[in-house]
C-alpha atoms as a PDB file:
ATOM      1  CA  UNK A   1      24.276 -33.716 117.499  1.00  0.00           C
ATOM      2  CA  UNK A   2      27.284 -32.238 116.770  1.00  0.00           C
ATOM      3  CA  UNK A   3      28.897 -30.190 119.554  1.00  0.00           C
ATOM      4  CA  UNK A   4      30.010 -26.774 118.703  1.00  0.00           C
ATOM      5  CA  UNK A   5      33.539 -26.434 119.247  1.00  0.00           C
ATOM      6  CA  UNK A   6      35.997 -23.458 118.923  1.00  0.00           C
ATOM      7  CA  UNK A   7      39.455 -24.420 118.189  1.00  0.00           C
ATOM      8  CA  UNK A   8      41.442 -21.674 119.952  1.00  0.00           C
ATOM      9  CA  UNK A   9      45.034 -22.859 119.425  1.00  0.00           C
ATOM     10  CA  UNK A  10      44.401 -23.100 115.890  1.00  0.00           C
ATOM     11  CA  UNK A  11      45.031 -19.098 116.139  1.00  0.00           C
ATOM     12  CA  UNK A  12      47.708 -19.569 118.382  1.00  0.00           C
ATOM     13  CA  UNK A  13      49.557 -21.861 116.183  1.00  0.00           C
ATOM     14  CA  UNK A  14      48.912 -19.425 113.063  1.00  0.00           C
ATOM     15  CA  UNK A  15      50.945 -16.708 115.237  1.00  0.00           C
ATOM     16  CA  UNK A  16      53.262 -19.206 116.007  1.00  0.00           C
ATOM     17  CA  UNK A  17      53.735 -20.429 112.476  1.00  0.00           C
ATOM     18  CA  UNK A  18      54.218 -16.447 111.483  1.00  0.00           C
ATOM     19  CA  UNK A  19      56.639 -15.805 114.148  1.00  0.00           C
ATOM     20  CA  UNK A  20      58.533 -18.609 113.196  1.00  0.00           C
ATOM     21  CA  UNK A  21      59.193 -17.804 109.509  1.00  0.00           C
ATOM     22  CA  UNK A  22      59.622 -14.157 110.951  1.00  0.00           C
ATOM     23  CA  UNK A  23      62.766 -15.314 112.620  1.00  0.00           C
ATOM     24  CA  UNK A  24      63.929 -18.092 110.041  1.00  0.00           C
ATOM     25  CA  UNK A  25      64.198 -15.105 107.522  1.00  0.00           C
ATOM     26  CA  UNK A  26      65.915 -12.618 110.200  1.00  0.00           C
ATOM     27  CA  UNK A  27      69.210 -15.397 109.778  1.00  0.00           C
ATOM     28  CA  UNK A  28      69.097 -14.444 106.125  1.00  0.00           C
ATOM     29  CA  UNK A  29      69.585 -10.748 106.878  1.00  0.00           C
ATOM     30  CA  UNK A  30      72.352 -11.553 109.340  1.00  0.00           C
ATOM     31  CA  UNK A  31      75.114 -12.626 106.041  1.00  0.00           C
ATOM     32  CA  UNK A  32      74.245  -9.040 104.832  1.00  0.00           C
ATOM     33  CA  UNK A  33      75.150  -6.969 107.635  1.00  0.00           C
ATOM     34  CA  UNK A  34      78.415  -8.862 108.086  1.00  0.00           C
ATOM     35  CA  UNK A  35      77.611 -11.805 110.683  1.00  0.00           C
ATOM     36  CA  UNK A  36      78.373 -15.234 110.589  1.00  0.00           C
ATOM     37  CA  UNK A  37      76.098 -16.630 113.335  1.00  0.00           C
ATOM     38  CA  UNK A  38      72.913 -18.550 111.607  1.00  0.00           C
ATOM     39  CA  UNK A  39      69.886 -20.094 113.625  1.00  0.00           C
ATOM     40  CA  UNK A  40      68.638 -23.428 113.086  1.00  0.00           C
ATOM     41  CA  UNK A  41      66.957 -24.776 110.076  1.00  0.00           C
ATOM     42  CA  UNK A  42      63.702 -26.018 112.041  1.00  0.00           C
ATOM     43  CA  UNK A  43      62.387 -22.266 111.990  1.00  0.00           C
ATOM     44  CA  UNK A  44      60.985 -22.717 108.370  1.00  0.00           C
ATOM     45  CA  UNK A  45      59.097 -24.717 109.889  1.00  0.00           C
ATOM     46  CA  UNK A  46      56.153 -22.140 110.475  1.00  0.00           C
ATOM     47  CA  UNK A  47      55.493 -22.368 106.672  1.00  0.00           C
ATOM     48  CA  UNK A  48      54.361 -26.702 107.224  1.00  0.00           C
ATOM     49  CA  UNK A  49      52.565 -25.702 110.064  1.00  0.00           C
ATOM     50  CA  UNK A  50      50.609 -23.242 107.997  1.00  0.00           C
ATOM     51  CA  UNK A  51      49.952 -25.916 105.331  1.00  0.00           C
ATOM     52  CA  UNK A  52      48.587 -28.667 107.987  1.00  0.00           C
ATOM     53  CA  UNK A  53      46.533 -26.114 109.310  1.00  0.00           C
ATOM     54  CA  UNK A  54      44.937 -24.790 106.460  1.00  0.00           C
ATOM     55  CA  UNK A  55      44.400 -28.062 105.850  1.00  0.00           C
ATOM     56  CA  UNK A  56      42.387 -29.115 109.070  1.00  0.00           C
ATOM     57  CA  UNK A  57      40.439 -25.836 108.623  1.00  0.00           C
ATOM     58  CA  UNK A  58      38.962 -26.358 105.134  1.00  0.00           C
ATOM     59  CA  UNK A  59      38.025 -29.648 106.093  1.00  0.00           C
ATOM     60  CA  UNK A  60      36.211 -29.241 109.691  1.00  0.00           C
ATOM     61  CA  UNK A  61      34.711 -25.905 108.033  1.00  0.00           C
ATOM     62  CA  UNK A  62      33.102 -27.540 105.329  1.00  0.00           C
ATOM     63  CA  UNK A  63      32.057 -30.629 106.377  1.00  0.00           C
ATOM     64  CA  UNK A  64      28.751 -29.577 107.895  1.00  0.00           C
ATOM     65  CA  UNK A  65      27.967 -27.011 105.328  1.00  0.00           C
ATOM     66  CA  UNK A  66      26.231 -26.806 102.064  1.00  0.00           C
ATOM     67  CA  UNK A  67      29.070 -24.257 100.778  1.00  0.00           C
ATOM     68  CA  UNK A  68      29.301 -24.677  96.828  1.00  0.00           C
ATOM     69  CA  UNK A  69      32.119 -24.818  94.955  1.00  0.00           C
ATOM     70  CA  UNK A  70      31.576 -21.128  93.699  1.00  0.00           C
ATOM     71  CA  UNK A  71      30.750 -19.594  97.645  1.00  0.00           C
ATOM     72  CA  UNK A  72      34.157 -21.797  98.722  1.00  0.00           C
ATOM     73  CA  UNK A  73      36.323 -19.544  96.159  1.00  0.00           C
ATOM     74  CA  UNK A  74      34.831 -16.599  96.402  1.00  0.00           C
ATOM     75  CA  UNK A  75      35.443 -16.656 100.472  1.00  0.00           C
ATOM     76  CA  UNK A  76      38.888 -17.632  99.695  1.00  0.00           C
ATOM     77  CA  UNK A  77      39.313 -15.613  97.251  1.00  0.00           C
ATOM     78  CA  UNK A  78      38.555 -12.331  99.413  1.00  0.00           C
ATOM     79  CA  UNK A  79      40.571 -13.837 102.294  1.00  0.00           C
ATOM     80  CA  UNK A  80      43.513 -14.188 100.203  1.00  0.00           C
ATOM     81  CA  UNK A  81      43.784 -11.791  97.278  1.00  0.00           C
ATOM     82  CA  UNK A  82      43.699  -7.968  98.113  1.00  0.00           C
ATOM     83  CA  UNK A  83      45.974  -7.972 100.899  1.00  0.00           C
ATOM     84  CA  UNK A  84      48.790 -10.236  98.995  1.00  0.00           C
ATOM     85  CA  UNK A  85      48.190  -7.969  95.655  1.00  0.00           C
ATOM     86  CA  UNK A  86      48.475  -5.024  97.752  1.00  0.00           C
ATOM     87  CA  UNK A  87      52.240  -6.116  98.760  1.00  0.00           C
ATOM     88  CA  UNK A  88      52.897  -7.787  95.196  1.00  0.00           C
ATOM     89  CA  UNK A  89      52.068  -4.272  93.860  1.00  0.00           C
ATOM     90  CA  UNK A  90      54.385  -2.270  96.689  1.00  0.00           C
ATOM     91  CA  UNK A  91      57.088  -4.639  95.021  1.00  0.00           C
ATOM     92  CA  UNK A  92      56.502  -4.169  91.808  1.00  0.00           C
ATOM     93  CA  UNK A  93      56.251   0.001  91.948  1.00  0.00           C
ATOM     94  CA  UNK A  94      59.533  -0.739  93.548  1.00  0.00           C
ATOM     95  CA  UNK A  95      61.026  -2.747  91.023  1.00  0.00           C
ATOM     96  CA  UNK A  96      60.281  -0.122  88.742  1.00  0.00           C
ATOM     97  CA  UNK A  97      60.493   2.938  90.710  1.00  0.00           C
ATOM     98  CA  UNK A  98      63.991   2.206  92.737  1.00  0.00           C
ATOM     99  CA  UNK A  99      65.327  -1.307  92.100  1.00  0.00           C
ATOM    100  CA  UNK A 100      68.549  -1.022  93.760  1.00  0.00           C
ATOM    101  CA  UNK A 101      66.581  -1.069  97.103  1.00  0.00           C
ATOM    102  CA  UNK A 102      65.567  -4.820  96.509  1.00  0.00           C
ATOM    103  CA  UNK A 103      67.779  -7.425  96.776  1.00  0.00           C
ATOM    104  CA  UNK A 104      65.806  -9.740  95.081  1.00  0.00           C
ATOM    105  CA  UNK A 105      63.616  -7.760  92.770  1.00  0.00           C
ATOM    106  CA  UNK A 106      63.966  -7.161  88.787  1.00  0.00           C
ATOM    107  CA  UNK A 107      61.293  -5.987  86.828  1.00  0.00           C
ATOM    108  CA  UNK A 108      59.507  -9.098  84.527  1.00  0.00           C
ATOM    109  CA  UNK A 109      56.211  -8.968  82.864  1.00  0.00           C
ATOM    110  CA  UNK A 110      55.879 -12.596  82.912  1.00  0.00           C
ATOM    111  CA  UNK A 111      56.974 -13.095  86.850  1.00  0.00           C
ATOM    112  CA  UNK A 112      54.688 -10.316  87.444  1.00  0.00           C
ATOM    113  CA  UNK A 113      52.211 -11.621  85.720  1.00  0.00           C
ATOM    114  CA  UNK A 114      52.116 -15.086  87.051  1.00  0.00           C
ATOM    115  CA  UNK A 115      52.577 -13.729  90.634  1.00  0.00           C
ATOM    116  CA  UNK A 116      49.588 -11.868  90.658  1.00  0.00           C
ATOM    117  CA  UNK A 117      47.157 -15.237  88.885  1.00  0.00           C
ATOM    118  CA  UNK A 118      49.167 -17.198  92.016  1.00  0.00           C
ATOM    119  CA  UNK A 119      51.100 -19.323  89.231  1.00  0.00           C
ATOM    120  CA  UNK A 120      54.765 -20.418  89.810  1.00  0.00           C
ATOM    121  CA  UNK A 121      57.677 -18.809  87.844  1.00  0.00           C
ATOM    122  CA  UNK A 122      61.024 -19.270  88.169  1.00  0.00           C
ATOM    123  CA  UNK A 123      62.349 -16.106  89.763  1.00  0.00           C
ATOM    124  CA  UNK A 124      64.212 -13.601  87.650  1.00  0.00           C
ATOM    125  CA  UNK A 125      67.280 -13.140  90.388  1.00  0.00           C
ATOM    126  CA  UNK A 126      66.579 -15.799  92.842  1.00  0.00           C
ATOM    127  CA  UNK A 127      67.274 -19.490  91.550  1.00  0.00           C
ATOM    128  CA  UNK A 128      63.750 -20.572  92.692  1.00  0.00           C
ATOM    129  CA  UNK A 129      60.007 -20.817  91.864  1.00  0.00           C
ATOM    130  CA  UNK A 130      59.002 -17.579  93.691  1.00  0.00           C
ATOM    131  CA  UNK A 131      56.280 -14.690  92.938  1.00  0.00           C
ATOM    132  CA  UNK A 132      57.409 -11.206  92.831  1.00  0.00           C
ATOM    133  CA  UNK A 133      56.542 -10.740  97.040  1.00  0.00           C
ATOM    134  CA  UNK A 134      59.298 -13.906  97.733  1.00  0.00           C
ATOM    135  CA  UNK A 135      57.184 -15.469 100.808  1.00  0.00           C
ATOM    136  CA  UNK A 136      53.925 -15.438  98.568  1.00  0.00           C
ATOM    137  CA  UNK A 137      55.211 -19.155  97.399  1.00  0.00           C
ATOM    138  CA  UNK A 138      53.577 -20.668 100.057  1.00  0.00           C
ATOM    139  CA  UNK A 139      50.203 -18.819  98.771  1.00  0.00           C
ATOM    140  CA  UNK A 140      50.578 -20.488  95.414  1.00  0.00           C
ATOM    141  CA  UNK A 141      50.137 -23.338  97.016  1.00  0.00           C
ATOM    142  CA  UNK A 142      47.371 -22.735  99.309  1.00  0.00           C
ATOM    143  CA  UNK A 143      45.736 -21.179  95.906  1.00  0.00           C
ATOM    144  CA  UNK A 144      46.546 -24.799  94.274  1.00  0.00           C
ATOM    145  CA  UNK A 145      44.970 -26.797  97.402  1.00  0.00           C
ATOM    146  CA  UNK A 146      41.886 -24.353  97.283  1.00  0.00           C
ATOM    147  CA  UNK A 147      41.128 -25.241  93.652  1.00  0.00           C
ATOM    148  CA  UNK A 148      41.409 -28.962  93.967  1.00  0.00           C
ATOM    149  CA  UNK A 149      39.653 -28.837  97.711  1.00  0.00           C
ATOM    150  CA  UNK A 150      36.745 -26.551  96.120  1.00  0.00           C
ATOM    151  CA  UNK A 151      35.990 -29.090  93.636  1.00  0.00           C
ATOM    152  CA  UNK A 152      36.021 -31.614  95.820  1.00  0.00           C
ATOM    153  CA  UNK A 153      32.971 -30.008  97.609  1.00  0.00           C
ATOM    154  CA  UNK A 154      30.654 -31.377  94.562  1.00  0.00           C
ATOM    155  CA  UNK A 155      30.976 -34.594  95.902  1.00  0.00           C
ATOM    156  CA  UNK A 156      29.012 -36.338  99.650  1.00  0.00           C
ATOM    157  CA  UNK A 157      30.858 -34.922 102.672  1.00  0.00           C
ATOM    158  CA  UNK A 158      32.162 -38.277 103.081  1.00  0.00           C
ATOM    159  CA  UNK A 159      34.050 -38.866  99.804  1.00  0.00           C
ATOM    160  CA  UNK A 160      35.951 -35.381 100.205  1.00  0.00           C
ATOM    161  CA  UNK A 161      38.710 -36.784 101.930  1.00  0.00           C
ATOM    162  CA  UNK A 162      39.373 -40.019  99.717  1.00  0.00           C
ATOM    163  CA  UNK A 163      38.955 -37.905  96.643  1.00  0.00           C
ATOM    164  CA  UNK A 164      41.390 -34.772  97.595  1.00  0.00           C
ATOM    165  CA  UNK A 165      43.659 -37.433  99.167  1.00  0.00           C
ATOM    166  CA  UNK A 166      44.058 -39.452  95.773  1.00  0.00           C
ATOM    167  CA  UNK A 167      44.378 -36.408  94.082  1.00  0.00           C
ATOM    168  CA  UNK A 168      47.532 -34.827  96.558  1.00  0.00           C
ATOM    169  CA  UNK A 169      49.438 -38.527  96.473  1.00  0.00           C
ATOM    170  CA  UNK A 170      49.292 -39.134  93.085  1.00  0.00           C
ATOM    171  CA  UNK A 171      50.089 -35.845  92.173  1.00  0.00           C
ATOM    172  CA  UNK A 172      53.299 -36.575  95.104  1.00  0.00           C
ATOM    173  CA  UNK A 173      54.092 -39.531  93.323  1.00  0.00           C
ATOM    174  CA  UNK A 174      53.885 -38.329  90.021  1.00  0.00           C
ATOM    175  CA  UNK A 175      56.620 -35.847  91.129  1.00  0.00           C
ATOM    176  CA  UNK A 176      58.980 -38.337  92.316  1.00  0.00           C
ATOM    177  CA  UNK A 177      58.688 -40.403  89.366  1.00  0.00           C
ATOM    178  CA  UNK A 178      59.166 -37.840  86.761  1.00  0.00           C
ATOM    179  CA  UNK A 179      60.780 -35.076  88.424  1.00  0.00           C
ATOM    180  CA  UNK A 180      59.710 -32.901  85.675  1.00  0.00           C
ATOM    181  CA  UNK A 181      62.059 -29.823  84.470  1.00  0.00           C
ATOM    182  CA  UNK A 182      59.146 -27.898  83.829  1.00  0.00           C
ATOM    183  CA  UNK A 183      58.659 -25.015  86.466  1.00  0.00           C
ATOM    184  CA  UNK A 184      55.239 -25.258  87.226  1.00  0.00           C
ATOM    185  CA  UNK A 185      54.977 -28.946  87.098  1.00  0.00           C
ATOM    186  CA  UNK A 186      57.616 -29.189  89.383  1.00  0.00           C
ATOM    187  CA  UNK A 187      56.145 -27.281  91.727  1.00  0.00           C
ATOM    188  CA  UNK A 188      52.518 -28.812  91.981  1.00  0.00           C
ATOM    189  CA  UNK A 189      53.512 -32.090  91.989  1.00  0.00           C
ATOM    190  CA  UNK A 190      55.940 -31.411  95.260  1.00  0.00           C
ATOM    191  CA  UNK A 191      55.626 -33.675  98.288  1.00  0.00           C
ATOM    192  CA  UNK A 192      54.810 -30.606 100.131  1.00  0.00           C
ATOM    193  CA  UNK A 193      50.901 -30.621  98.946  1.00  0.00           C
ATOM    194  CA  UNK A 194      51.259 -33.676 101.193  1.00  0.00           C
ATOM    195  CA  UNK A 195      51.034 -31.481 104.262  1.00  0.00           C
ATOM    196  CA  UNK A 196      47.047 -30.230 103.358  1.00  0.00           C
ATOM    197  CA  UNK A 197      46.287 -33.917 103.354  1.00  0.00           C
ATOM    198  CA  UNK A 198      48.040 -34.178 107.167  1.00  0.00           C
ATOM    199  CA  UNK A 199      45.376 -31.943 108.187  1.00  0.00           C
ATOM    200  CA  UNK A 200      42.319 -32.947 106.846  1.00  0.00           C
ATOM    201  CA  UNK A 201      43.734 -36.269 107.923  1.00  0.00           C
ATOM    202  CA  UNK A 202      43.859 -35.268 111.632  1.00  0.00           C
ATOM    203  CA  UNK A 203      40.253 -33.115 110.941  1.00  0.00           C
ATOM    204  CA  UNK A 204      38.402 -36.584 109.550  1.00  0.00           C
ATOM    205  CA  UNK A 205      40.038 -38.278 112.656  1.00  0.00           C
ATOM    206  CA  UNK A 206      39.759 -35.993 115.917  1.00  0.00           C
ATOM    207  CA  UNK A 207      36.468 -34.280 115.390  1.00  0.00           C
ATOM    208  CA  UNK A 208      34.815 -37.199 115.300  1.00  0.00           C
ATOM    209  CA  UNK A 209      32.356 -36.704 118.989  1.00  0.00           C
ATOM    210  CA  UNK A 210      32.131 -40.518 119.433  1.00  0.00           C
ATOM    211  CA  UNK A 211      36.267 -40.377 119.649  1.00  0.00           C
ATOM    212  CA  UNK A 212      37.303 -40.434 123.147  1.00  0.00           C
ATOM    213  CA  UNK A 213      40.131 -38.596 123.819  1.00  0.00           C
ATOM    214  CA  UNK A 214      42.332 -38.178 126.895  1.00  0.00           C
ATOM    215  CA  UNK A 215      45.114 -35.731 127.829  1.00  0.00           C
ATOM    216  CA  UNK A 216      48.190 -37.998 128.062  1.00  0.00           C
ATOM    217  CA  UNK A 217      48.187 -39.048 124.247  1.00  0.00           C
ATOM    218  CA  UNK A 218      47.703 -35.353 123.411  1.00  0.00           C
ATOM    219  CA  UNK A 219      50.873 -33.884 125.226  1.00  0.00           C
ATOM    220  CA  UNK A 220      52.965 -37.312 124.036  1.00  0.00           C
ATOM    221  CA  UNK A 221      52.000 -35.845 120.369  1.00  0.00           C
ATOM    222  CA  UNK A 222      52.922 -32.704 121.136  1.00  0.00           C
ATOM    223  CA  UNK A 223      56.497 -33.410 122.740  1.00  0.00           C
ATOM    224  CA  UNK A 224      56.840 -35.833 120.236  1.00  0.00           C
ATOM    225  CA  UNK A 225      56.651 -33.541 117.388  1.00  0.00           C
ATOM    226  CA  UNK A 226      58.978 -30.975 118.828  1.00  0.00           C
ATOM    227  CA  UNK A 227      61.364 -33.781 119.372  1.00  0.00           C
ATOM    228  CA  UNK A 228      61.234 -34.501 115.417  1.00  0.00           C
ATOM    229  CA  UNK A 229      61.820 -31.554 114.672  1.00  0.00           C
ATOM    230  CA  UNK A 230      65.374 -31.256 116.299  1.00  0.00           C
ATOM    231  CA  UNK A 231      66.398 -33.950 114.657  1.00  0.00           C
ATOM    232  CA  UNK A 232      69.484 -32.643 112.497  1.00  0.00           C
ATOM    233  CA  UNK A 233      68.481 -31.690 108.594  1.00  0.00           C
ATOM    234  CA  UNK A 234      71.529 -33.555 107.744  1.00  0.00           C
ATOM    235  CA  UNK A 235      69.788 -36.715 108.972  1.00  0.00           C
ATOM    236  CA  UNK A 236      67.001 -35.701 106.588  1.00  0.00           C
ATOM    237  CA  UNK A 237      68.593 -35.393 103.236  1.00  0.00           C
ATOM    238  CA  UNK A 238      66.624 -36.889 100.432  1.00  0.00           C
ATOM    239  CA  UNK A 239      63.296 -36.598 102.317  1.00  0.00           C
ATOM    240  CA  UNK A 240      60.855 -34.078 101.015  1.00  0.00           C
ATOM    241  CA  UNK A 241      60.149 -31.418 104.074  1.00  0.00           C
ATOM    242  CA  UNK A 242      56.926 -33.157 104.117  1.00  0.00           C
ATOM    243  CA  UNK A 243      58.431 -35.878 105.934  1.00  0.00           C
ATOM    244  CA  UNK A 244      61.278 -33.847 108.274  1.00  0.00           C
ATOM    245  CA  UNK A 245      58.696 -30.444 108.915  1.00  0.00           C
ATOM    246  CA  UNK A 246      55.352 -31.696 107.724  1.00  0.00           C
ATOM    247  CA  UNK A 247      54.813 -35.136 109.644  1.00  0.00           C
ATOM    248  CA  UNK A 248      56.171 -32.983 113.090  1.00  0.00           C
ATOM    249  CA  UNK A 249      54.188 -30.389 112.996  1.00  0.00           C
ATOM    250  CA  UNK A 250      51.339 -32.162 111.940  1.00  0.00           C
ATOM    251  CA  UNK A 251      51.745 -34.392 115.488  1.00  0.00           C
ATOM    252  CA  UNK A 252      51.572 -30.984 117.258  1.00  0.00           C
ATOM    253  CA  UNK A 253      48.726 -29.563 115.749  1.00  0.00           C
ATOM    254  CA  UNK A 254      46.735 -33.515 116.074  1.00  0.00           C
ATOM    255  CA  UNK A 255      47.908 -33.002 119.867  1.00  0.00           C
ATOM    256  CA  UNK A 256      46.650 -29.360 120.449  1.00  0.00           C
ATOM    257  CA  UNK A 257      43.205 -30.334 118.485  1.00  0.00           C
ATOM    258  CA  UNK A 258      42.936 -33.092 120.735  1.00  0.00           C
ATOM    259  CA  UNK A 259      43.602 -30.579 123.986  1.00  0.00           C
ATOM    260  CA  UNK A 260      40.664 -27.929 122.635  1.00  0.00           C
ATOM    261  CA  UNK A 261      38.299 -30.862 122.433  1.00  0.00           C
ATOM    262  CA  UNK A 262      38.908 -31.625 126.120  1.00  0.00           C
ATOM    263  CA  UNK A 263      38.197 -27.657 126.823  1.00  0.00           C
ATOM    264  CA  UNK A 264      42.065 -26.808 127.790  1.00  0.00           C
ATOM    265  CA  UNK A 265      42.673 -23.702 125.461  1.00  0.00           C
ATOM    266  CA  UNK A 266      41.235 -21.081 126.901  1.00  0.00           C
ATOM    267  CA  UNK A 267      40.637 -17.731 125.233  1.00  0.00           C
ATOM    268  CA  UNK A 268      44.385 -15.612 125.648  1.00  0.00           C
ATOM    269  CA  UNK A 269      43.865 -12.180 123.937  1.00  0.00           C
ATOM    270  CA  UNK A 270      47.736 -11.353 122.973  1.00  0.00           C
ATOM    271  CA  UNK A 271      48.175 -14.700 121.426  1.00  0.00           C
ATOM    272  CA  UNK A 272      44.535 -14.676 119.167  1.00  0.00           C
ATOM    273  CA  UNK A 273      45.626 -11.332 118.788  1.00  0.00           C
ATOM    274  CA  UNK A 274      48.858 -12.644 117.015  1.00  0.00           C
ATOM    275  CA  UNK A 275      46.864 -15.355 115.163  1.00  0.00           C
ATOM    276  CA  UNK A 276      44.347 -12.971 113.674  1.00  0.00           C
ATOM    277  CA  UNK A 277      47.288 -10.861 112.635  1.00  0.00           C
ATOM    278  CA  UNK A 278      49.528 -13.635 111.418  1.00  0.00           C
ATOM    279  CA  UNK A 279      48.655 -13.421 107.462  1.00  0.00           C
ATOM    280  CA  UNK A 280      49.420  -9.681 107.722  1.00  0.00           C
ATOM    281  CA  UNK A 281      52.667 -10.414 109.241  1.00  0.00           C
ATOM    282  CA  UNK A 282      54.012 -13.307 106.940  1.00  0.00           C
ATOM    283  CA  UNK A 283      53.216 -11.102 104.116  1.00  0.00           C
ATOM    284  CA  UNK A 284      55.009  -7.482 105.643  1.00  0.00           C
ATOM    285  CA  UNK A 285      57.804  -8.838 107.331  1.00  0.00           C
ATOM    286  CA  UNK A 286      59.929  -9.064 104.186  1.00  0.00           C
ATOM    287  CA  UNK A 287      59.604  -5.793 103.695  1.00  0.00           C
ATOM    288  CA  UNK A 288      60.042  -4.803 107.557  1.00  0.00           C
ATOM    289  CA  UNK A 289      63.311  -6.723 107.918  1.00  0.00           C
ATOM    290  CA  UNK A 290      64.657  -5.478 104.396  1.00  0.00           C
ATOM    291  CA  UNK A 291      64.236  -1.679 105.042  1.00  0.00           C
ATOM    292  CA  UNK A 292      65.544  -2.505 109.232  1.00  0.00           C
ATOM    293  CA  UNK A 293      69.080  -4.250 107.030  1.00  0.00           C
ATOM    294  CA  UNK A 294      69.355  -1.418 105.057  1.00  0.00           C
ATOM    295  CA  UNK A 295      69.166   0.988 107.926  1.00  0.00           C
ATOM    296  CA  UNK A 296      71.764  -1.047 110.116  1.00  0.00           C
ATOM    297  CA  UNK A 297      74.062  -1.615 107.395  1.00  0.00           C
ATOM    298  CA  UNK A 298      74.231   2.630 106.945  1.00  0.00           C
ATOM    299  CA  UNK A 299      74.609   3.106 110.954  1.00  0.00           C
ATOM    300  CA  UNK A 300      77.255   0.136 110.977  1.00  0.00           C
ATOM    301  CA  UNK A 301      76.500  -1.343 114.309  1.00  0.00           C
ATOM    302  CA  UNK A 302      78.057  -4.665 113.449  1.00  0.00           C
ATOM    303  CA  UNK A 303      77.671  -8.281 113.671  1.00  0.00           C
ATOM    304  CA  UNK A 304      78.578  -9.644 116.729  1.00  0.00           C
ATOM    305  CA  UNK A 305      76.798 -11.533 119.078  1.00  0.00           C
ATOM    306  CA  UNK A 306      75.391  -8.503 121.086  1.00  0.00           C
ATOM    307  CA  UNK A 307      74.846  -6.742 117.783  1.00  0.00           C
ATOM    308  CA  UNK A 308      72.563  -9.985 116.758  1.00  0.00           C
ATOM    309  CA  UNK A 309      71.073  -9.666 119.620  1.00  0.00           C
ATOM    310  CA  UNK A 310      69.992  -6.243 119.492  1.00  0.00           C
ATOM    311  CA  UNK A 311      68.917  -6.964 115.643  1.00  0.00           C
ATOM    312  CA  UNK A 312      66.895  -9.944 116.690  1.00  0.00           C
ATOM    313  CA  UNK A 313      65.046  -7.958 119.421  1.00  0.00           C
ATOM    314  CA  UNK A 314      63.808  -5.124 117.475  1.00  0.00           C
ATOM    315  CA  UNK A 315      63.546  -7.293 114.038  1.00  0.00           C
ATOM    316  CA  UNK A 316      60.802  -9.470 115.642  1.00  0.00           C
ATOM    317  CA  UNK A 317      59.134  -6.313 117.748  1.00  0.00           C
ATOM    318  CA  UNK A 318      59.383  -4.438 114.210  1.00  0.00           C
ATOM    319  CA  UNK A 319      57.850  -7.251 112.226  1.00  0.00           C
ATOM    320  CA  UNK A 320      54.882  -8.104 114.889  1.00  0.00           C
ATOM    321  CA  UNK A 321      53.957  -4.706 115.050  1.00  0.00           C
ATOM    322  CA  UNK A 322      53.604  -3.648 111.594  1.00  0.00           C
ATOM    323  CA  UNK A 323      51.862  -6.659 110.802  1.00  0.00           C
ATOM    324  CA  UNK A 324      49.163  -5.809 113.766  1.00  0.00           C
ATOM    325  CA  UNK A 325      49.167  -2.745 112.584  1.00  0.00           C
ATOM    326  CA  UNK A 326      48.652  -3.332 108.805  1.00  0.00           C
ATOM    327  CA  UNK A 327      45.912  -5.794 110.109  1.00  0.00           C
ATOM    328  CA  UNK A 328      43.918  -3.327 111.619  1.00  0.00           C
ATOM    329  CA  UNK A 329      44.387  -0.425 109.025  1.00  0.00           C
ATOM    330  CA  UNK A 330      44.624  -2.598 105.736  1.00  0.00           C
ATOM    331  CA  UNK A 331      43.733  -6.502 106.186  1.00  0.00           C
ATOM    332  CA  UNK A 332      40.432  -5.989 108.303  1.00  0.00           C
ATOM    333  CA  UNK A 333      38.779  -3.101 106.308  1.00  0.00           C
ATOM    334  CA  UNK A 334      39.771  -4.527 103.012  1.00  0.00           C
ATOM    335  CA  UNK A 335      38.296  -7.708 103.923  1.00  0.00           C
ATOM    336  CA  UNK A 336      35.134  -5.897 104.864  1.00  0.00           C
ATOM    337  CA  UNK A 337      35.235  -4.257 101.753  1.00  0.00           C
ATOM    338  CA  UNK A 338      35.509  -7.272  99.243  1.00  0.00           C
ATOM    339  CA  UNK A 339      33.064  -9.443 101.336  1.00  0.00           C
ATOM    340  CA  UNK A 340      30.586  -6.414 101.520  1.00  0.00           C
ATOM    341  CA  UNK A 341      30.007  -6.784 105.494  1.00  0.00           C
ATOM    342  CA  UNK A 342      30.305  -4.466 108.179  1.00  0.00           C
ATOM    343  CA  UNK A 343      31.830  -7.068 110.540  1.00  0.00           C
ATOM    344  CA  UNK A 344      33.588  -9.903 110.123  1.00  0.00           C
ATOM    345  CA  UNK A 345      32.298 -13.049 111.772  1.00  0.00           C
ATOM    346  CA  UNK A 346      34.913 -15.404 113.852  1.00  0.00           C
ATOM    347  CA  UNK A 347      35.201 -18.723 112.292  1.00  0.00           C
ATOM    348  CA  UNK A 348      33.448 -21.702 114.671  1.00  0.00           C
ATOM    349  CA  UNK A 349      33.807 -24.985 113.543  1.00  0.00           C
END
């Protein structure tokens, strides 16, 4: 009989991932307010942690169920699309009505359509494959992974890890061998897609009730993962972020999952709330920080160390509070509306 486990650490790690991305993007604003100060690149690993978590959750929540690909896709669409389209639409309207307010906004019909369809397309302003809502590039990968994973649900449960793994490894290998110039092919064959596989492997290995776990290895994995994140970026030149960010975040996740299964991770209200609101925080923080930067520049508050410390404090607090407000007033009602339910039940494994 399979033991019913609630992985509390997953929600807490979602909160860590979202707030890490916010902090990383705060540093981008520093130069815009005239500051030479910068943050370390390791904060960008929040994105990679999201991908590893996604692989873990998709595997765990479907391994003992008879969910069909159609049911799976419907749930993923209801969870991801409404809020993303909401913020994308705000960006589109802003690009039409007040393009000067957007540092990276420009009306481009093909780019806009691709953004709504989660298709990779070169950004008309930024030299990167970004959608209209720039943080949405990660959702393009998420939906891509869901498309692959959903088809694997047609196979027996034991074959899903191997089939999805074979597809992701093959795509990554093709990207490394041929380095395609096409934007979509370059995007879809990037080795970063292996991070979803890392999460699936952790789920397959550590959610087996026959495997005995202990605390020392769990904390050892967490410590090793955190230490690996502090390896200088220069030492990773030439490697995909799947290796210098994906592997360390996978080790951290594995350690916390082990602690969850030992019953060491409690249910704490504030971290859980931040995890619940992580998607809203992630999608809304760019607009929040952009608005804060505009106000900061108009007030000419400077960019020296004390000013930056205050800027970071205000930026993190505003991004978090606005994200939580979006979660309660927009994300939850919107999700319930499209799901056709009054109350969204928490996901247990």
